[in-house]
Amino acid sequence: MATPPTAPQKGHSRTISTDERRVLVPRRRTKGPLDFDDLPSASASTPTSSNPALPPAATTPPPPTLQDKDLSFLLQPTNFHPLPTSSLLPPFLSLPAPPTATPTALLSTLHFRAAAIASAAALTSSPPPPSNQQILTLWYTRLLSLCLCHQSTLAAQELSAFRDVTAPFYLDADTGRSILPWELRVLAVALGERSDPRRAIGAYYELAGECRSCAADAALAVEERRLWRARLQDLGVRVANALVALGDLAAAVRHLKGLRGKGEGILPLLMVRVGMLEEARELAGDDEVLEALLRMADGEWEAAAEVWKRLPKDEVTVCNAAVCELYLARLDNARAMLEGLLDEGTVFSGLIFNLATVFELCGDSAKQLKLGLAEKVAGMGREFTNPSFKM
C-alpha cells in the first residue's frame, strides 16, 4: 500500500531526539491558599458556633485607626429600605413587637425581622452610634438579619452603601489590613455569590490568602492565629458551596477531597447529594446518620426510619424519621411526629415546610391547616415567610 506523498522539506530540518534515560515523575501536589496543613500547628481548635445567627466565639481586635475613618455616609436613612410585608401571612402581620432589646440580642433570640428593623433604627438615630466599631456591628446585624428572613436581595442592595468593601479606604494605614469586621467581609462575598458565583470564588481565595498570612504570623497571639486557621477552613467549605451554586458538583467533590479538617465531614453529605452513593458509603464508616441518609437516597424508607428512630431524639432525627413515614404513606404518624416537635417549642423552617407538605396531602383543608400552623408559630414569637408554608 502506497504511502501518501509528503511535501518536500525546505531549509534546515530538525531531527527530534529522545532520551530514554528520562523517567517521568508524578506531579507533586502544589499548595494553594486554602491549604493549612503546612501552617504552624495549633494545640487546640478555635470554638465556633453552629448557629449562624449567633455572634462569633472570638474576633480579632479592631485596628487602632478604625475610629479615624469617617463613616457618616453609612448612617444615611436612604441606605435602608422598608421590609416588604407581601411575603408574610396575616398572623405575622399582627405579631406583637418583642420586648425592647438590642439588635444583637434580637438576632441571638431568632427575631430576625425585629433585629433588622432595630439595627436600621439605631444607625439612623440621633445621636448616632458613638464608635465606628458599633456602626459596623450594627450593619452586620442588619444584613445578616435580612438574609435570615429571606431578604437577601434587599441585603445586597443595601450593601452597596459601602461601595467596594475591598477599596483602599477600608485598609488600615499601619498594617494594610481591612478595618471591616471579618464576618461582614465574608457576608459581602456571600451576598455576591447569588449573582456571580465565579467572582465569589475568587473573592474567597483572596480572603484565604490573608488568612494564611495571619495564621503564619509569629507576631500574633496564639489564640488569634488559631482563629485565622479556623477562618481558613471555613472559607474552604464556602468555596465548595459556590461550586455547588455553579452546578459543578464534581468540582465541589474534588475540592473537598483536597481539604483537611472541616471538609472531610461535609464530603460524604455532598456525595449523597450528587448521587455518588458508593463513594459516600466508603467514607461513612460507622456513622449512623450517614447510613440513614444513604438508605433514604436508595429509597429504603422503612430501613431508614428504623435507623432514625434508634438515634438520640432531637429535631433532626425526628424530622427525618417523619419524612420516611411520609414516603411510606403513613401520614398520621408523620403529622404526629412533626406536631410533637412543635408542641415542645421546637420550630425551624424545615419543620414547617415538611408539616405544610403533610397538610397538602390531607385534602381540601390544607389552606386552613397552614393558616392554623402560622398562628401557632406566630404565638411562639417566631416569624417565617410564605415559602416556608408553601404558600
Protein backbone atom coordinates (compact mmCIF):
# COMPACT_ATOMS: atom_id res chain seq x y z
CA MET A 1 0.00 0.00 0.00
CA ALA A 2 1.48 3.31 -1.09
CA THR A 3 2.03 5.99 1.45
CA PRO A 4 0.63 9.45 0.80
CA PRO A 5 3.12 11.86 -0.68
CA THR A 6 4.78 14.30 1.63
CA ALA A 7 5.70 17.85 0.84
CA PRO A 8 9.39 18.43 0.25
CA GLN A 9 11.17 19.98 3.20
CA LYS A 10 12.61 23.43 2.69
CA GLY A 11 15.55 24.91 4.50
CA HIS A 12 17.08 23.29 7.53
CA SER A 13 15.32 20.39 9.21
CA ARG A 14 15.48 19.40 12.86
CA THR A 15 15.76 15.83 13.96
CA ILE A 16 13.80 15.14 17.12
CA SER A 17 15.79 13.11 19.59
CA THR A 18 14.55 11.28 22.60
CA ASP A 19 16.38 10.46 25.79
CA GLU A 20 15.27 7.08 27.02
CA ARG A 21 17.01 7.72 30.31
CA ARG A 22 14.32 10.24 31.31
CA VAL A 23 11.89 8.93 33.90
CA LEU A 24 8.51 10.54 34.32
CA VAL A 25 7.93 11.69 37.88
CA PRO A 26 4.35 12.17 39.15
CA ARG A 27 3.48 15.81 39.56
CA ARG A 28 3.75 16.91 43.14
CA ARG A 29 0.74 18.41 44.81
CA THR A 30 1.03 22.18 44.97
CA LYS A 31 0.00 24.34 47.88
CA GLY A 32 -2.89 26.72 47.49
CA PRO A 33 -4.38 29.50 49.61
CA LEU A 34 -6.90 27.10 51.17
CA ASP A 35 -4.27 24.61 52.38
CA PHE A 36 -3.38 24.95 56.02
CA ASP A 37 -1.61 21.68 56.86
CA ASP A 38 1.76 23.40 56.35
CA LEU A 39 0.96 26.26 58.71
CA PRO A 40 2.27 26.34 62.29
CA SER A 41 0.30 23.79 64.27
CA ALA A 42 -2.13 24.74 66.99
CA SER A 43 -2.71 22.56 70.02
CA ALA A 44 -6.44 23.27 70.12
CA SER A 45 -9.04 24.37 67.63
CA THR A 46 -10.94 27.61 67.91
CA PRO A 47 -14.51 27.08 69.12
CA THR A 48 -17.10 28.17 66.62
CA SER A 49 -20.86 28.48 66.85
CA SER A 50 -23.05 26.16 64.77
CA ASN A 51 -25.79 28.78 64.64
CA PRO A 52 -25.01 31.46 62.01
CA ALA A 53 -27.24 33.93 63.81
CA LEU A 54 -25.16 33.91 66.97
CA PRO A 55 -22.18 36.22 67.40
CA PRO A 56 -18.77 34.63 66.73
CA ALA A 57 -16.96 32.97 69.60
CA ALA A 58 -13.90 35.18 69.12
CA THR A 59 -12.96 38.11 66.96
CA THR A 60 -9.77 39.90 66.03
CA PRO A 61 -9.33 43.24 67.80
CA PRO A 62 -10.24 46.28 65.68
CA PRO A 63 -7.27 48.30 64.36
CA PRO A 64 -6.47 51.49 66.26
CA THR A 65 -7.11 53.62 63.16
CA LEU A 66 -10.71 52.41 62.83
CA GLN A 67 -12.08 55.39 64.74
CA ASP A 68 -10.18 57.81 62.47
CA LYS A 69 -12.35 56.87 59.49
CA ASP A 70 -15.36 59.00 58.59
CA LEU A 71 -18.23 56.51 58.27
CA SER A 72 -21.02 59.07 58.40
CA PHE A 73 -22.11 58.03 54.90
CA LEU A 74 -23.21 54.70 56.38
CA LEU A 75 -25.74 56.48 58.64
CA GLN A 76 -27.91 57.99 55.91
CA PRO A 77 -31.59 56.90 56.10
CA THR A 78 -31.58 56.46 52.31
CA ASN A 79 -29.27 53.47 52.77
CA PHE A 80 -32.11 51.40 54.17
CA HIS A 81 -35.32 50.09 52.65
CA PRO A 82 -38.57 49.18 54.38
CA LEU A 83 -39.07 45.47 54.78
CA PRO A 84 -41.82 44.13 52.50
CA THR A 85 -44.87 42.55 54.09
CA SER A 86 -46.24 40.83 50.98
CA SER A 87 -44.34 37.65 51.85
CA LEU A 88 -45.93 37.38 55.30
CA LEU A 89 -49.13 35.59 56.26
CA PRO A 90 -51.76 37.56 58.25
CA PRO A 91 -50.83 36.09 61.67
CA PHE A 92 -47.32 37.53 61.35
CA LEU A 93 -48.53 40.98 60.33
CA SER A 94 -50.24 41.37 63.70
CA LEU A 95 -47.35 39.84 65.63
CA PRO A 96 -46.59 41.99 68.70
CA ALA A 97 -43.18 43.57 68.82
CA PRO A 98 -40.67 41.70 71.03
CA PRO A 99 -39.57 43.31 74.29
CA THR A 100 -37.12 46.15 73.95
CA ALA A 101 -33.69 44.70 73.34
CA THR A 102 -30.53 45.44 71.43
CA PRO A 103 -30.35 44.33 67.78
CA THR A 104 -27.72 41.74 68.68
CA ALA A 105 -29.96 40.30 71.40
CA LEU A 106 -32.90 40.14 68.99
CA LEU A 107 -30.72 38.34 66.47
CA SER A 108 -29.48 35.80 69.02
CA THR A 109 -33.09 35.05 70.03
CA LEU A 110 -34.01 34.44 66.36
CA HIS A 111 -36.19 37.55 65.96
CA PHE A 112 -34.67 38.29 62.58
CA ARG A 113 -37.16 40.84 61.25
CA ALA A 114 -37.18 42.78 64.51
CA ALA A 115 -33.35 42.71 64.59
CA ALA A 116 -33.18 44.11 61.06
CA ILE A 117 -35.58 46.93 61.91
CA ALA A 118 -33.84 47.74 65.20
CA SER A 119 -30.42 47.83 63.53
CA ALA A 120 -31.56 50.35 60.91
CA ALA A 121 -33.23 52.45 63.60
CA ALA A 122 -30.04 52.52 65.69
CA LEU A 123 -27.93 53.52 62.69
CA THR A 124 -30.19 56.42 61.74
CA SER A 125 -30.97 57.60 65.27
CA SER A 126 -29.86 60.83 66.87
CA PRO A 127 -27.36 60.83 68.44
CA PRO A 128 -25.59 58.31 66.18
CA PRO A 129 -23.67 55.28 67.49
CA PRO A 130 -20.67 56.52 69.50
CA SER A 131 -18.00 54.45 67.71
CA ASN A 132 -17.21 53.18 64.26
CA GLN A 133 -16.97 49.66 65.62
CA GLN A 134 -20.60 49.85 66.76
CA ILE A 135 -21.62 51.22 63.36
CA LEU A 136 -20.06 48.24 61.58
CA THR A 137 -21.51 45.76 64.08
CA LEU A 138 -24.99 47.19 63.53
CA TRP A 139 -24.52 46.97 59.76
CA TYR A 140 -23.50 43.31 60.05
CA THR A 141 -26.54 42.59 62.23
CA ARG A 142 -28.81 44.36 59.74
CA LEU A 143 -27.50 42.47 56.70
CA LEU A 144 -27.40 39.08 58.39
CA SER A 145 -30.93 39.53 59.75
CA LEU A 146 -32.20 40.37 56.27
CA CYS A 147 -30.61 37.21 54.90
CA LEU A 148 -32.12 35.08 57.64
CA CYS A 149 -35.63 36.41 56.95
CA HIS A 150 -35.28 35.61 53.22
CA GLN A 151 -34.48 39.15 52.08
CA SER A 152 -31.03 38.51 50.58
CA THR A 153 -31.78 40.63 47.52
CA LEU A 154 -32.61 43.59 49.75
CA ALA A 155 -29.45 42.97 51.78
CA ALA A 156 -27.34 43.03 48.61
CA GLN A 157 -28.91 46.35 47.61
CA GLU A 158 -28.20 47.92 50.99
CA LEU A 159 -24.63 46.62 50.98
CA SER A 160 -23.98 48.94 48.02
CA ALA A 161 -23.73 51.78 50.58
CA PHE A 162 -20.18 50.54 51.22
CA ARG A 163 -19.38 50.85 47.51
CA ASP A 164 -16.43 48.40 47.42
CA VAL A 165 -15.53 46.65 50.68
CA THR A 166 -12.05 45.94 49.27
CA ALA A 167 -11.34 49.61 48.48
CA PRO A 168 -8.18 51.23 49.93
CA PHE A 169 -10.42 53.44 52.08
CA TYR A 170 -11.16 50.41 54.29
CA LEU A 171 -7.50 49.49 54.80
CA ASP A 172 -5.54 50.28 57.93
CA ALA A 173 -2.66 52.63 57.11
CA ASP A 174 -0.26 50.86 59.50
CA THR A 175 -0.90 47.18 58.81
CA GLY A 176 -2.54 47.26 55.37
CA ARG A 177 -5.35 45.03 56.63
CA SER A 178 -9.04 45.77 56.38
CA ILE A 179 -10.72 47.68 59.17
CA LEU A 180 -14.05 45.95 58.44
CA PRO A 181 -15.12 43.04 60.67
CA TRP A 182 -14.22 39.69 59.16
CA GLU A 183 -17.81 38.46 59.38
CA LEU A 184 -19.02 41.48 57.40
CA ARG A 185 -16.44 40.92 54.67
CA VAL A 186 -17.37 37.24 54.29
CA LEU A 187 -21.07 38.11 54.26
CA ALA A 188 -20.44 40.66 51.50
CA VAL A 189 -18.89 37.93 49.35
CA ALA A 190 -21.74 35.53 50.14
CA LEU A 191 -24.30 38.11 49.01
CA GLY A 192 -22.47 38.50 45.71
CA GLU A 193 -22.34 34.71 45.34
CA ARG A 194 -26.03 34.59 44.42
CA SER A 195 -25.50 36.69 41.29
CA ASP A 196 -21.93 35.72 40.35
CA PRO A 197 -20.59 32.53 41.98
CA ARG A 198 -17.40 32.59 39.91
CA ARG A 199 -16.46 36.03 41.16
CA ALA A 200 -17.29 34.94 44.70
CA ILE A 201 -14.84 32.04 44.45
CA GLY A 202 -12.08 34.48 43.50
CA ALA A 203 -13.01 36.71 46.43
CA TYR A 204 -12.92 33.75 48.84
CA TYR A 205 -9.42 32.88 47.62
CA GLU A 206 -8.30 36.47 48.22
CA LEU A 207 -9.58 36.24 51.79
CA ALA A 208 -7.87 32.87 52.15
CA GLY A 209 -4.53 34.43 51.24
CA GLU A 210 -4.99 36.88 54.10
CA CYS A 211 -5.89 34.04 56.46
CA ARG A 212 -2.72 32.12 55.61
CA SER A 213 -0.60 35.22 56.09
CA CYS A 214 -2.08 35.95 59.52
CA ALA A 215 -2.06 32.32 60.65
CA ALA A 216 1.67 32.13 59.91
CA ASP A 217 2.47 35.49 61.53
CA ALA A 218 4.53 34.73 64.62
CA ALA A 219 3.94 38.28 65.89
CA LEU A 220 0.26 37.48 66.55
CA ALA A 221 -1.00 35.80 69.71
CA VAL A 222 -1.54 32.04 69.57
CA GLU A 223 -5.32 32.33 70.02
CA GLU A 224 -5.56 34.83 67.18
CA ARG A 225 -3.56 32.59 64.88
CA ARG A 226 -5.88 29.69 65.72
CA LEU A 227 -8.80 31.92 64.81
CA TRP A 228 -7.29 32.64 61.40
CA ARG A 229 -6.79 28.91 60.82
CA ALA A 230 -10.45 28.28 61.64
CA ARG A 231 -11.44 31.03 59.20
CA LEU A 232 -9.31 29.40 56.51
CA GLN A 233 -11.14 26.10 56.97
CA ASP A 234 -14.49 27.88 56.78
CA LEU A 235 -13.50 29.55 53.50
CA GLY A 236 -12.67 26.15 52.03
CA VAL A 237 -16.22 24.99 52.68
CA ARG A 238 -17.64 28.21 51.27
CA VAL A 239 -15.74 27.66 48.02
CA ALA A 240 -17.40 24.24 47.78
CA ASN A 241 -20.80 25.92 48.30
CA ALA A 242 -20.04 28.33 45.46
CA LEU A 243 -19.10 25.44 43.18
CA VAL A 244 -22.41 23.79 44.00
CA ALA A 245 -24.18 27.05 43.17
CA LEU A 246 -22.41 26.95 39.79
CA GLY A 247 -23.78 23.46 39.24
CA ASP A 248 -20.28 21.94 39.11
CA LEU A 249 -20.87 19.27 41.72
CA ALA A 250 -17.96 17.12 40.57
CA ALA A 251 -15.57 20.04 41.08
CA ALA A 252 -17.04 20.60 44.55
CA VAL A 253 -16.34 16.96 45.44
CA ARG A 254 -12.76 17.20 44.16
CA HIS A 255 -12.27 20.42 46.09
CA LEU A 256 -13.49 18.94 49.38
CA LYS A 257 -11.27 15.89 48.88
CA GLY A 258 -8.30 18.23 48.84
CA LEU A 259 -9.25 19.89 52.11
CA ARG A 260 -8.44 18.74 55.62
CA GLY A 261 -10.50 19.02 58.78
CA LYS A 262 -13.93 20.53 58.21
CA GLY A 263 -14.11 19.48 54.53
CA GLU A 264 -13.80 15.80 55.44
CA GLY A 265 -17.06 15.82 57.40
CA ILE A 266 -19.03 17.58 54.66
CA LEU A 267 -17.69 15.50 51.76
CA PRO A 268 -19.94 12.43 52.34
CA LEU A 269 -23.03 14.65 52.54
CA LEU A 270 -22.17 16.29 49.24
CA MET A 271 -21.55 12.87 47.68
CA VAL A 272 -25.04 11.79 48.72
CA ARG A 273 -26.47 14.91 47.10
CA VAL A 274 -24.50 14.33 43.89
CA GLY A 275 -25.55 10.68 43.75
CA MET A 276 -22.11 9.19 44.45
CA LEU A 277 -23.63 6.74 46.92
CA GLU A 278 -20.95 4.05 46.78
CA GLU A 279 -18.19 6.58 47.41
CA ALA A 280 -20.20 8.05 50.29
CA ARG A 281 -20.59 4.56 51.82
CA GLU A 282 -16.83 4.13 51.82
CA LEU A 283 -16.46 7.30 53.88
CA ALA A 284 -19.48 6.72 56.13
CA GLY A 285 -17.88 4.07 58.34
CA ASP A 286 -19.99 3.58 61.47
CA ASP A 287 -21.79 6.93 61.13
CA GLU A 288 -25.46 6.03 61.59
CA VAL A 289 -26.66 9.43 60.38
CA LEU A 290 -24.95 8.87 57.04
CA GLU A 291 -26.28 5.33 56.97
CA ALA A 292 -29.83 6.64 57.35
CA LEU A 293 -29.31 9.26 54.64
CA LEU A 294 -27.89 6.66 52.27
CA ARG A 295 -30.87 4.40 52.85
CA MET A 296 -33.18 7.33 52.10
CA ALA A 297 -31.23 8.02 48.90
CA ASP A 298 -31.74 4.37 47.90
CA GLY A 299 -35.47 4.60 48.62
CA GLU A 300 -35.25 2.20 51.57
CA TRP A 301 -37.68 4.23 53.66
CA GLU A 302 -38.57 1.55 56.19
CA ALA A 303 -34.94 0.74 56.99
CA ALA A 304 -34.06 4.44 57.12
CA ALA A 305 -36.91 5.14 59.53
CA GLU A 306 -35.64 2.42 61.86
CA VAL A 307 -32.16 3.96 61.90
CA TRP A 308 -33.51 7.45 62.62
CA LYS A 309 -35.71 6.16 65.45
CA ARG A 310 -32.86 4.43 67.28
CA LEU A 311 -30.68 7.54 67.20
CA PRO A 312 -30.83 10.05 70.10
CA LYS A 313 -34.05 12.04 69.77
CA ASP A 314 -33.63 15.60 68.52
CA GLU A 315 -35.20 17.83 65.88
CA VAL A 316 -33.03 16.40 63.07
CA THR A 317 -33.68 12.72 63.74
CA VAL A 318 -37.40 13.19 64.39
CA CYS A 319 -37.90 15.37 61.31
CA ASN A 320 -36.11 12.89 59.05
CA ALA A 321 -37.98 9.95 60.55
CA ALA A 322 -41.23 11.82 59.82
CA VAL A 323 -40.15 12.25 56.18
CA CYS A 324 -39.66 8.49 55.97
CA GLU A 325 -43.13 7.95 57.41
CA LEU A 326 -44.48 10.36 54.80
CA TYR A 327 -42.96 8.37 51.93
CA LEU A 328 -44.35 5.18 53.49
CA ALA A 329 -47.83 6.75 53.22
CA ARG A 330 -48.24 6.82 57.00
CA LEU A 331 -49.44 10.41 57.11
CA ASP A 332 -50.90 10.23 60.61
CA ASN A 333 -47.55 9.11 62.05
CA ALA A 334 -45.63 11.80 60.15
CA ARG A 335 -48.04 14.52 61.24
CA ALA A 336 -47.97 13.41 64.88
CA MET A 337 -44.17 13.40 64.96
CA LEU A 338 -43.82 16.86 63.40
CA GLU A 339 -46.57 18.41 65.51
CA GLY A 340 -44.94 16.84 68.57
CA LEU A 341 -41.79 18.84 67.89
CA LEU A 342 -43.85 21.99 67.53
CA ASP A 343 -45.65 21.32 70.82
CA GLU A 344 -42.26 21.01 72.52
CA GLY A 345 -41.39 24.54 71.37
CA THR A 346 -39.09 23.49 68.52
CA VAL A 347 -39.62 25.45 65.33
CA PHE A 348 -37.45 25.84 62.25
CA SER A 349 -38.00 26.31 58.53
CA GLY A 350 -37.55 22.64 57.59
CA LEU A 351 -40.09 21.52 60.19
CA ILE A 352 -42.69 24.00 58.93
CA PHE A 353 -42.08 23.05 55.29
CA ASN A 354 -42.46 19.33 55.98
CA LEU A 355 -45.59 19.89 58.05
CA ALA A 356 -47.06 22.01 55.25
CA THR A 357 -46.33 19.15 52.84
CA VAL A 358 -48.26 16.77 55.10
CA PHE A 359 -51.17 19.23 55.23
CA GLU A 360 -51.27 19.40 51.43
CA LEU A 361 -51.86 15.66 51.36
CA CYS A 362 -54.76 15.98 53.78
CA GLY A 363 -57.21 17.22 51.14
CA ASP A 364 -59.15 20.47 50.76
CA SER A 365 -58.41 21.65 54.31
CA ALA A 366 -54.73 22.30 53.54
CA LYS A 367 -55.02 26.11 53.45
CA GLN A 368 -56.85 26.29 56.77
CA LEU A 369 -54.35 23.92 58.37
CA LYS A 370 -51.45 26.04 57.14
CA LEU A 371 -53.03 29.23 58.48
CA GLY A 372 -53.55 27.50 61.82
CA LEU A 373 -49.89 26.49 61.78
CA ALA A 374 -48.89 30.10 61.07
CA GLU A 375 -50.97 31.32 64.01
CA LYS A 376 -49.34 28.79 66.29
CA VAL A 377 -45.83 29.75 65.13
CA ALA A 378 -46.65 33.46 65.47
CA GLY A 379 -47.83 32.81 69.01
CA MET A 380 -44.37 31.43 69.77
CA GLY A 381 -42.87 34.78 68.76
CA ARG A 382 -41.26 33.49 65.59
CA GLU A 383 -41.73 34.75 62.04
CA PHE A 384 -41.47 32.88 58.75
CA THR A 385 -42.26 33.93 55.20
CA ASN A 386 -44.78 32.37 52.84
CA PRO A 387 -42.35 29.96 51.09
CA SER A 388 -41.80 28.15 54.40
CA PHE A 389 -45.52 27.36 54.44
CA LYS A 390 -45.59 26.53 50.69
CA MET A 391 -48.00 29.43 50.09
